[in-house]
């Protein structure tokens, strides 16, 4: 598949990891929510509850991935060297 380009590390993204159990990724523009969900689950071995997407001002597609309570976003962020 290869729809995920890279994780996004901004101050807001780090705050969302800590408060909302969400990780932000930059994905390909043609990526669908089910594709993003399945790729995150298979690549990182976590359970995804919800995926929300948006196009930012720079024209990039962001995916806000809410992880299951059993999978803390902080652990995945540590694996990805985000925090």
Protein backbone atom coordinates (compact mmCIF):
# COMPACT_ATOMS: atom_id res chain seq x y z
CA UNK A 1 0.00 0.00 0.00
CA UNK A 2 2.31 2.75 1.23
CA UNK A 3 -0.25 5.48 1.91
CA UNK A 4 1.53 6.80 5.02
CA UNK A 5 4.37 9.18 4.26
CA UNK A 6 5.61 10.12 7.76
CA UNK A 7 4.47 11.06 11.27
CA UNK A 8 3.98 14.76 11.94
CA UNK A 9 5.81 16.22 14.92
CA UNK A 10 4.58 19.65 15.90
CA UNK A 11 3.77 21.12 19.29
CA UNK A 12 0.06 20.55 18.69
CA UNK A 13 0.66 16.94 17.56
CA UNK A 14 2.68 16.17 20.69
CA UNK A 15 -0.03 17.70 22.86
CA UNK A 16 -2.64 15.48 21.15
CA UNK A 17 -0.52 12.40 21.91
CA UNK A 18 -0.55 13.24 25.61
CA UNK A 19 -4.14 14.46 26.02
CA UNK A 20 -6.27 12.73 23.35
CA UNK A 21 -4.33 9.50 22.56
CA UNK A 22 -3.98 10.63 18.90
CA UNK A 23 -1.03 10.51 16.54
CA UNK A 24 -0.84 12.68 13.42
CA UNK A 25 0.53 11.38 10.12
CA UNK A 26 1.06 12.96 6.71
CA UNK A 27 -0.50 10.63 4.13
CA UNK A 28 -0.93 10.53 0.36
CA UNK A 29 -3.76 12.69 -0.93
CA UNK A 30 -5.61 9.75 -2.46
CA UNK A 31 -5.50 7.68 0.78
CA UNK A 32 -8.85 6.66 2.24
CA UNK A 33 -9.63 6.31 5.93
CA UNK A 34 -9.93 2.48 5.79
CA UNK A 35 -6.56 2.27 4.00
CA UNK A 36 -4.92 4.48 6.61
CA UNK A 37 -6.45 2.47 9.46
CA UNK A 38 -5.38 -0.91 8.08
CA UNK A 39 -1.85 0.28 7.32
CA UNK A 40 -1.35 1.75 10.81
CA UNK A 41 -2.66 -1.43 12.42
CA UNK A 42 -0.47 -3.73 10.32
CA UNK A 43 2.71 -1.60 10.45
CA UNK A 44 2.71 -0.82 14.16
CA UNK A 45 0.60 -3.59 15.70
CA UNK A 46 -1.89 -1.27 17.40
CA UNK A 47 -5.69 -1.04 17.38
CA UNK A 48 -7.11 2.11 15.74
CA UNK A 49 -10.48 3.43 16.93
CA UNK A 50 -10.93 6.35 14.52
CA UNK A 51 -9.25 8.17 11.64
CA UNK A 52 -9.99 11.81 10.81
CA UNK A 53 -8.42 13.48 7.78
CA UNK A 54 -7.98 17.04 6.54
CA UNK A 55 -6.04 18.98 3.93
CA UNK A 56 -3.89 21.71 5.50
CA UNK A 57 -2.92 25.08 4.04
CA UNK A 58 0.26 23.63 2.58
CA UNK A 59 -1.77 21.14 0.56
CA UNK A 60 -0.76 18.10 2.64
CA UNK A 61 -3.28 15.53 3.82
CA UNK A 62 -3.12 14.97 7.57
CA UNK A 63 -4.55 11.90 9.27
CA UNK A 64 -5.41 12.18 12.95
CA UNK A 65 -5.37 8.59 14.21
CA UNK A 66 -7.12 7.88 17.51
CA UNK A 67 -5.72 4.75 19.12
CA UNK A 68 -7.56 2.30 21.34
CA UNK A 69 -7.23 2.88 25.11
CA UNK A 70 -5.21 -0.38 25.34
CA UNK A 71 -2.58 1.13 23.01
CA UNK A 72 -1.22 4.39 24.47
CA UNK A 73 -0.18 6.83 21.76
CA UNK A 74 2.85 7.76 23.85
CA UNK A 75 4.28 4.23 23.41
CA UNK A 76 3.90 4.38 19.62
CA UNK A 77 5.34 7.91 19.55
CA UNK A 78 8.36 6.65 21.49
CA UNK A 79 8.85 3.86 18.92
CA UNK A 80 8.71 6.46 16.16
CA UNK A 81 11.18 8.74 18.02
CA UNK A 82 8.62 11.54 18.19
CA UNK A 83 8.95 12.12 21.94
